[in-house]
Amino acid sequence: MKTIYIYVLDTLADWELGYITAELNSRRFFKEHAPSLTIKTVSYSKQPITTMGGMEIIPDCLVEDIEISENNVLLLPGADTWDNPKHNDILISAKDMLSIGGTVGAICGATVAIANMGLLNDKPHTSNGSGFLEMFSPVYKGQEFYLDQPSVSADNLITANSTGALLWTRQIIDSLDVFEQETLSAWYNYFNTGDSNYFFELMKTLPVVEK
């Protein structure tokens, strides 16, 4: 069973996680016999955190409880508080996860945090602009690997800018192999364009439920 660890911290950008948590938790568009998943929120303490939108989240587990495995995924959302040293342990876990073939997803401000760990110096990636990383990460040396795209998936690392949550979600779901490809394509096209034709296309890709 894969475990999806979602790091939660004060000022977490709610909208960046909305698509991925909704789809993985509801399983509403999962293919038949999709791999089993469990989702856990994780933080540096068990104290509640408050998101940017004012939502309170009580973490399920601590950083030291994370199982570092090639089968597991660690998601790091954007927030205004990533520069606090108390988040260093989760960044070490991200480095360890990547080193053994696990998947790490980082979006918006979290890309600066992993840049400060040197994780963007040799992998294709994106953020809120190459200049953004240079401005906030003095150790960032990955300019030649920077791609000016909303989200980039490469070598088990999935990075996105603050507007790339939808594509970031698509790439994470693709890596988990829980949607049929035609389902994933229709799902993305519908939410990306709002064209109702894609909604009906999405419905047609789902398994028939016998009554």
C-alpha atoms as a PDB file:
ATOM      1  CA  MET A   1       0.000   0.000   0.000  1.00  0.00           C
ATOM      2  CA  LYS A   2       1.260   3.459  -0.877  1.00  0.00           C
ATOM      3  CA  THR A   3       1.159   6.197   1.718  1.00  0.00           C
ATOM      4  CA  ILE A   4       0.681   9.790   0.616  1.00  0.00           C
ATOM      5  CA  TYR A   5       2.185  12.068   3.256  1.00  0.00           C
ATOM      6  CA  ILE A   6       1.021  15.688   3.117  1.00  0.00           C
ATOM      7  CA  TYR A   7       3.080  18.118   5.130  1.00  0.00           C
ATOM      8  CA  VAL A   8       0.967  20.737   6.878  1.00  0.00           C
ATOM      9  CA  LEU A   9       2.256  24.007   8.291  1.00  0.00           C
ATOM     10  CA  ASP A  10       0.863  27.374   9.296  1.00  0.00           C
ATOM     11  CA  THR A  11      -0.203  29.597   6.346  1.00  0.00           C
ATOM     12  CA  LEU A  12      -0.524  26.512   4.102  1.00  0.00           C
ATOM     13  CA  ALA A  13      -1.983  27.595   0.738  1.00  0.00           C
ATOM     14  CA  ASP A  14      -5.324  25.752   0.805  1.00  0.00           C
ATOM     15  CA  TRP A  15      -6.052  25.885  -2.937  1.00  0.00           C
ATOM     16  CA  GLU A  16      -2.833  24.162  -3.906  1.00  0.00           C
ATOM     17  CA  LEU A  17      -3.894  20.885  -2.275  1.00  0.00           C
ATOM     18  CA  GLY A  18      -7.618  20.979  -3.050  1.00  0.00           C
ATOM     19  CA  TYR A  19      -7.633  18.929  -6.245  1.00  0.00           C
ATOM     20  CA  ILE A  20      -5.250  16.224  -5.114  1.00  0.00           C
ATOM     21  CA  THR A  21      -6.744  15.635  -1.667  1.00  0.00           C
ATOM     22  CA  ALA A  22     -10.307  15.542  -3.055  1.00  0.00           C
ATOM     23  CA  GLU A  23      -9.513  13.007  -5.767  1.00  0.00           C
ATOM     24  CA  LEU A  24      -7.312  10.715  -3.686  1.00  0.00           C
ATOM     25  CA  ASN A  25      -9.682  10.716  -0.726  1.00  0.00           C
ATOM     26  CA  SER A  26     -12.935  10.272  -2.679  1.00  0.00           C
ATOM     27  CA  ARG A  27     -11.545   7.745  -5.206  1.00  0.00           C
ATOM     28  CA  ARG A  28     -14.497   8.796  -7.375  1.00  0.00           C
ATOM     29  CA  PHE A  29     -12.609   8.475 -10.656  1.00  0.00           C
ATOM     30  CA  PHE A  30     -10.261   5.631  -9.727  1.00  0.00           C
ATOM     31  CA  LYS A  31      -9.920   2.785 -12.165  1.00  0.00           C
ATOM     32  CA  GLU A  32     -10.905  -0.755 -11.261  1.00  0.00           C
ATOM     33  CA  HIS A  33      -8.288  -2.489  -9.135  1.00  0.00           C
ATOM     34  CA  ALA A  34      -6.429   0.757  -8.523  1.00  0.00           C
ATOM     35  CA  PRO A  35      -3.558   0.453  -6.037  1.00  0.00           C
ATOM     36  CA  SER A  36      -4.526   0.956  -2.406  1.00  0.00           C
ATOM     37  CA  LEU A  37      -3.586   4.312  -0.912  1.00  0.00           C
ATOM     38  CA  THR A  38      -3.627   5.858   2.503  1.00  0.00           C
ATOM     39  CA  ILE A  39      -3.350   9.610   3.116  1.00  0.00           C
ATOM     40  CA  LYS A  40      -1.698  11.065   6.206  1.00  0.00           C
ATOM     41  CA  THR A  41      -1.111  14.654   7.193  1.00  0.00           C
ATOM     42  CA  VAL A  42       2.264  15.123   8.841  1.00  0.00           C
ATOM     43  CA  SER A  43       3.961  17.978  10.674  1.00  0.00           C
ATOM     44  CA  TYR A  44       6.729  18.849  13.122  1.00  0.00           C
ATOM     45  CA  SER A  45       4.289  18.587  16.055  1.00  0.00           C
ATOM     46  CA  LYS A  46       0.799  17.335  16.780  1.00  0.00           C
ATOM     47  CA  GLN A  47      -0.431  20.865  17.463  1.00  0.00           C
ATOM     48  CA  PRO A  48      -3.129  22.166  15.072  1.00  0.00           C
ATOM     49  CA  ILE A  49      -1.940  24.321  12.201  1.00  0.00           C
ATOM     50  CA  THR A  50      -3.942  27.111  10.592  1.00  0.00           C
ATOM     51  CA  THR A  51      -4.034  27.386   6.823  1.00  0.00           C
ATOM     52  CA  MET A  52      -3.969  30.611   4.841  1.00  0.00           C
ATOM     53  CA  GLY A  53      -7.734  30.265   4.490  1.00  0.00           C
ATOM     54  CA  GLY A  54      -8.217  29.958   8.251  1.00  0.00           C
ATOM     55  CA  MET A  55      -8.879  26.194   8.292  1.00  0.00           C
ATOM     56  CA  GLU A  56      -7.501  24.247  11.242  1.00  0.00           C
ATOM     57  CA  ILE A  57      -5.760  20.924  10.618  1.00  0.00           C
ATOM     58  CA  ILE A  58      -4.592  18.506  13.308  1.00  0.00           C
ATOM     59  CA  PRO A  59      -1.697  16.433  11.882  1.00  0.00           C
ATOM     60  CA  ASP A  60      -2.086  12.666  11.782  1.00  0.00           C
ATOM     61  CA  CYS A  61       1.565  11.973  12.486  1.00  0.00           C
ATOM     62  CA  LEU A  62       5.007  13.452  13.034  1.00  0.00           C
ATOM     63  CA  VAL A  63       7.925  13.733  10.637  1.00  0.00           C
ATOM     64  CA  GLU A  64       9.742  10.922  12.431  1.00  0.00           C
ATOM     65  CA  ASP A  65       6.785   8.619  11.696  1.00  0.00           C
ATOM     66  CA  ILE A  66       7.258   8.865   7.924  1.00  0.00           C
ATOM     67  CA  GLU A  67       8.190   5.611   6.235  1.00  0.00           C
ATOM     68  CA  ILE A  68      10.891   6.476   3.726  1.00  0.00           C
ATOM     69  CA  SER A  69      10.116   4.130   0.841  1.00  0.00           C
ATOM     70  CA  GLU A  70      10.167   4.070  -2.946  1.00  0.00           C
ATOM     71  CA  ASN A  71       6.443   3.283  -2.776  1.00  0.00           C
ATOM     72  CA  ASN A  72       5.501   6.401  -0.831  1.00  0.00           C
ATOM     73  CA  VAL A  73       4.854  10.027  -1.742  1.00  0.00           C
ATOM     74  CA  LEU A  74       5.581  13.242   0.132  1.00  0.00           C
ATOM     75  CA  LEU A  75       3.693  16.399  -0.838  1.00  0.00           C
ATOM     76  CA  LEU A  76       4.920  19.830   0.232  1.00  0.00           C
ATOM     77  CA  PRO A  77       2.419  22.688  -0.224  1.00  0.00           C
ATOM     78  CA  GLY A  78       3.177  26.372  -0.477  1.00  0.00           C
ATOM     79  CA  ALA A  79       3.167  28.520   2.648  1.00  0.00           C
ATOM     80  CA  ASP A  80       4.654  31.768   3.933  1.00  0.00           C
ATOM     81  CA  THR A  81       6.450  30.048   6.812  1.00  0.00           C
ATOM     82  CA  TRP A  82       8.865  27.685   5.060  1.00  0.00           C
ATOM     83  CA  ASP A  83      11.877  29.695   6.241  1.00  0.00           C
ATOM     84  CA  ASN A  84      11.303  28.578   9.838  1.00  0.00           C
ATOM     85  CA  PRO A  85      14.076  26.124  10.888  1.00  0.00           C
ATOM     86  CA  LYS A  86      11.504  23.804  12.464  1.00  0.00           C
ATOM     87  CA  HIS A  87      10.703  22.574   8.931  1.00  0.00           C
ATOM     88  CA  ASN A  88      14.254  21.336   8.295  1.00  0.00           C
ATOM     89  CA  ASP A  89      13.429  17.758   9.269  1.00  0.00           C
ATOM     90  CA  ILE A  90      10.744  17.375   6.605  1.00  0.00           C
ATOM     91  CA  LEU A  91      13.164  18.673   3.986  1.00  0.00           C
ATOM     92  CA  ILE A  92      15.682  16.040   5.033  1.00  0.00           C
ATOM     93  CA  SER A  93      12.896  13.468   4.641  1.00  0.00           C
ATOM     94  CA  ALA A  94      12.184  14.808   1.156  1.00  0.00           C
ATOM     95  CA  LYS A  95      15.843  14.380   0.226  1.00  0.00           C
ATOM     96  CA  ASP A  96      15.864  10.849   1.645  1.00  0.00           C
ATOM     97  CA  MET A  97      12.637   9.973  -0.171  1.00  0.00           C
ATOM     98  CA  LEU A  98      14.040  11.067  -3.525  1.00  0.00           C
ATOM     99  CA  SER A  99      17.329   9.271  -2.907  1.00  0.00           C
ATOM    100  CA  ILE A 100      15.641   5.865  -2.763  1.00  0.00           C
ATOM    101  CA  GLY A 101      13.148   6.426  -5.578  1.00  0.00           C
ATOM    102  CA  GLY A 102      10.155   7.764  -3.670  1.00  0.00           C
ATOM    103  CA  THR A 103       8.115  10.645  -5.086  1.00  0.00           C
ATOM    104  CA  VAL A 104       8.193  14.210  -3.798  1.00  0.00           C
ATOM    105  CA  GLY A 105       5.818  16.957  -4.912  1.00  0.00           C
ATOM    106  CA  ALA A 106       6.560  20.597  -4.075  1.00  0.00           C
ATOM    107  CA  ILE A 107       4.547  23.616  -5.109  1.00  0.00           C
ATOM    108  CA  CYS A 108       5.054  27.377  -4.845  1.00  0.00           C
ATOM    109  CA  GLY A 109       6.969  28.338  -1.675  1.00  0.00           C
ATOM    110  CA  ALA A 110       7.918  24.729  -1.022  1.00  0.00           C
ATOM    111  CA  THR A 111      10.096  24.826  -4.144  1.00  0.00           C
ATOM    112  CA  VAL A 112      12.290  27.404  -2.423  1.00  0.00           C
ATOM    113  CA  ALA A 113      12.528  25.162   0.624  1.00  0.00           C
ATOM    114  CA  ILE A 114      13.760  22.192  -1.404  1.00  0.00           C
ATOM    115  CA  ALA A 115      16.038  24.471  -3.437  1.00  0.00           C
ATOM    116  CA  ASN A 116      17.701  25.360  -0.151  1.00  0.00           C
ATOM    117  CA  MET A 117      18.404  21.638   0.282  1.00  0.00           C
ATOM    118  CA  GLY A 118      20.082  21.537  -3.141  1.00  0.00           C
ATOM    119  CA  LEU A 119      17.352  19.319  -4.576  1.00  0.00           C
ATOM    120  CA  LEU A 120      16.790  21.486  -7.659  1.00  0.00           C
ATOM    121  CA  ASN A 121      20.405  21.813  -8.732  1.00  0.00           C
ATOM    122  CA  ASP A 122      20.432  18.787 -11.028  1.00  0.00           C
ATOM    123  CA  LYS A 123      16.806  17.957 -11.895  1.00  0.00           C
ATOM    124  CA  PRO A 124      14.305  19.536 -14.311  1.00  0.00           C
ATOM    125  CA  HIS A 125      11.963  21.705 -12.249  1.00  0.00           C
ATOM    126  CA  THR A 126       9.858  24.841 -12.102  1.00  0.00           C
ATOM    127  CA  SER A 127       8.782  27.445  -9.568  1.00  0.00           C
ATOM    128  CA  ASN A 128       7.411  30.982  -9.557  1.00  0.00           C
ATOM    129  CA  GLY A 129      10.255  31.958 -11.897  1.00  0.00           C
ATOM    130  CA  SER A 130      13.966  31.220 -12.018  1.00  0.00           C
ATOM    131  CA  GLY A 131      14.577  34.673 -10.606  1.00  0.00           C
ATOM    132  CA  PHE A 132      12.235  33.807  -7.731  1.00  0.00           C
ATOM    133  CA  LEU A 133      14.452  30.891  -6.724  1.00  0.00           C
ATOM    134  CA  GLU A 134      17.612  32.970  -7.077  1.00  0.00           C
ATOM    135  CA  MET A 135      16.081  35.704  -4.926  1.00  0.00           C
ATOM    136  CA  PHE A 136      15.076  33.459  -2.030  1.00  0.00           C
ATOM    137  CA  SER A 137      17.553  30.568  -2.229  1.00  0.00           C
ATOM    138  CA  PRO A 138      21.211  31.612  -2.035  1.00  0.00           C
ATOM    139  CA  VAL A 139      22.379  28.035  -2.717  1.00  0.00           C
ATOM    140  CA  TYR A 140      20.225  27.518  -5.825  1.00  0.00           C
ATOM    141  CA  LYS A 141      22.399  26.481  -8.809  1.00  0.00           C
ATOM    142  CA  GLY A 142      19.821  24.786 -11.023  1.00  0.00           C
ATOM    143  CA  GLN A 143      19.197  27.513 -13.592  1.00  0.00           C
ATOM    144  CA  GLU A 144      20.031  25.245 -16.537  1.00  0.00           C
ATOM    145  CA  PHE A 145      17.362  22.768 -15.389  1.00  0.00           C
ATOM    146  CA  TYR A 146      14.630  25.382 -14.909  1.00  0.00           C
ATOM    147  CA  LEU A 147      11.556  25.049 -17.160  1.00  0.00           C
ATOM    148  CA  ASP A 148       9.095  27.906 -17.480  1.00  0.00           C
ATOM    149  CA  GLN A 149       5.988  25.729 -17.100  1.00  0.00           C
ATOM    150  CA  PRO A 150       3.162  25.541 -14.523  1.00  0.00           C
ATOM    151  CA  SER A 151       4.300  22.106 -13.353  1.00  0.00           C
ATOM    152  CA  VAL A 152       7.191  19.785 -14.187  1.00  0.00           C
ATOM    153  CA  SER A 153       7.535  16.075 -13.440  1.00  0.00           C
ATOM    154  CA  ALA A 154      11.004  14.543 -13.702  1.00  0.00           C
ATOM    155  CA  ASP A 155      12.970  11.896 -11.812  1.00  0.00           C
ATOM    156  CA  ASN A 156      10.219  11.377  -9.195  1.00  0.00           C
ATOM    157  CA  LEU A 157      10.200  15.096  -8.391  1.00  0.00           C
ATOM    158  CA  ILE A 158       7.049  17.059  -9.266  1.00  0.00           C
ATOM    159  CA  THR A 159       7.346  20.826  -8.895  1.00  0.00           C
ATOM    160  CA  ALA A 160       4.826  23.557  -9.651  1.00  0.00           C
ATOM    161  CA  ASN A 161       4.324  27.288  -9.430  1.00  0.00           C
ATOM    162  CA  SER A 162       1.519  28.945  -7.504  1.00  0.00           C
ATOM    163  CA  THR A 163      -0.853  28.713 -10.493  1.00  0.00           C
ATOM    164  CA  GLY A 164       0.015  25.141 -11.392  1.00  0.00           C
ATOM    165  CA  ALA A 165      -2.042  23.155  -8.877  1.00  0.00           C
ATOM    166  CA  LEU A 166      -4.243  21.508 -11.513  1.00  0.00           C
ATOM    167  CA  LEU A 167      -1.387  20.261 -13.682  1.00  0.00           C
ATOM    168  CA  TRP A 168       0.598  19.345 -10.547  1.00  0.00           C
ATOM    169  CA  THR A 169      -2.342  17.196  -9.467  1.00  0.00           C
ATOM    170  CA  ARG A 170      -2.532  15.554 -12.887  1.00  0.00           C
ATOM    171  CA  GLN A 171       1.135  14.636 -12.748  1.00  0.00           C
ATOM    172  CA  ILE A 172       0.855  13.279  -9.209  1.00  0.00           C
ATOM    173  CA  ILE A 173      -2.182  11.164 -10.127  1.00  0.00           C
ATOM    174  CA  ASP A 174      -0.353   9.912 -13.209  1.00  0.00           C
ATOM    175  CA  SER A 175       2.601   8.841 -11.075  1.00  0.00           C
ATOM    176  CA  LEU A 176       0.273   6.932  -8.736  1.00  0.00           C
ATOM    177  CA  ASP A 177      -1.400   5.002 -11.588  1.00  0.00           C
ATOM    178  CA  VAL A 178      -4.879   5.218 -10.035  1.00  0.00           C
ATOM    179  CA  PHE A 179      -6.755   6.671 -13.053  1.00  0.00           C
ATOM    180  CA  GLU A 180      -7.088   5.205 -16.508  1.00  0.00           C
ATOM    181  CA  GLN A 181      -5.204   7.448 -18.915  1.00  0.00           C
ATOM    182  CA  GLU A 182      -8.355   8.469 -20.791  1.00  0.00           C
ATOM    183  CA  THR A 183     -10.011   9.307 -17.459  1.00  0.00           C
ATOM    184  CA  LEU A 184      -7.076  11.434 -16.392  1.00  0.00           C
ATOM    185  CA  SER A 185      -7.004  13.253 -19.722  1.00  0.00           C
ATOM    186  CA  ALA A 186     -10.739  14.007 -19.663  1.00  0.00           C
ATOM    187  CA  TRP A 187     -10.599  15.019 -15.993  1.00  0.00           C
ATOM    188  CA  TYR A 188      -7.785  17.466 -16.634  1.00  0.00           C
ATOM    189  CA  ASN A 189      -9.341  18.900 -19.776  1.00  0.00           C
ATOM    190  CA  TYR A 190     -12.682  19.457 -18.045  1.00  0.00           C
ATOM    191  CA  PHE A 191     -11.265  21.287 -15.047  1.00  0.00           C
ATOM    192  CA  ASN A 192      -8.771  23.145 -17.195  1.00  0.00           C
ATOM    193  CA  THR A 193     -11.278  24.439 -19.764  1.00  0.00           C
ATOM    194  CA  GLY A 194     -14.744  24.166 -18.201  1.00  0.00           C
ATOM    195  CA  ASP A 195     -15.985  22.615 -21.449  1.00  0.00           C
ATOM    196  CA  SER A 196     -18.918  20.337 -20.533  1.00  0.00           C
ATOM    197  CA  ASN A 197     -18.077  17.991 -23.412  1.00  0.00           C
ATOM    198  CA  TYR A 198     -15.083  16.849 -21.400  1.00  0.00           C
ATOM    199  CA  PHE A 199     -17.333  16.130 -18.419  1.00  0.00           C
ATOM    200  CA  PHE A 200     -19.401  13.685 -20.466  1.00  0.00           C
ATOM    201  CA  GLU A 201     -16.215  12.236 -21.892  1.00  0.00           C
ATOM    202  CA  LEU A 202     -14.990  11.756 -18.322  1.00  0.00           C
ATOM    203  CA  MET A 203     -18.175   9.963 -17.312  1.00  0.00           C
ATOM    204  CA  LYS A 204     -17.860   7.581 -20.257  1.00  0.00           C
ATOM    205  CA  THR A 205     -14.412   6.474 -19.113  1.00  0.00           C
ATOM    206  CA  LEU A 206     -15.570   5.280 -15.698  1.00  0.00           C
ATOM    207  CA  PRO A 207     -16.290   1.651 -14.839  1.00  0.00           C
ATOM    208  CA  VAL A 208     -19.942   0.619 -15.139  1.00  0.00           C
ATOM    209  CA  VAL A 209     -21.439   0.053 -11.682  1.00  0.00           C
ATOM    210  CA  GLU A 210     -23.838  -2.867 -11.655  1.00  0.00           C
ATOM    211  CA  LYS A 211     -27.076  -2.259  -9.769  1.00  0.00           C
END
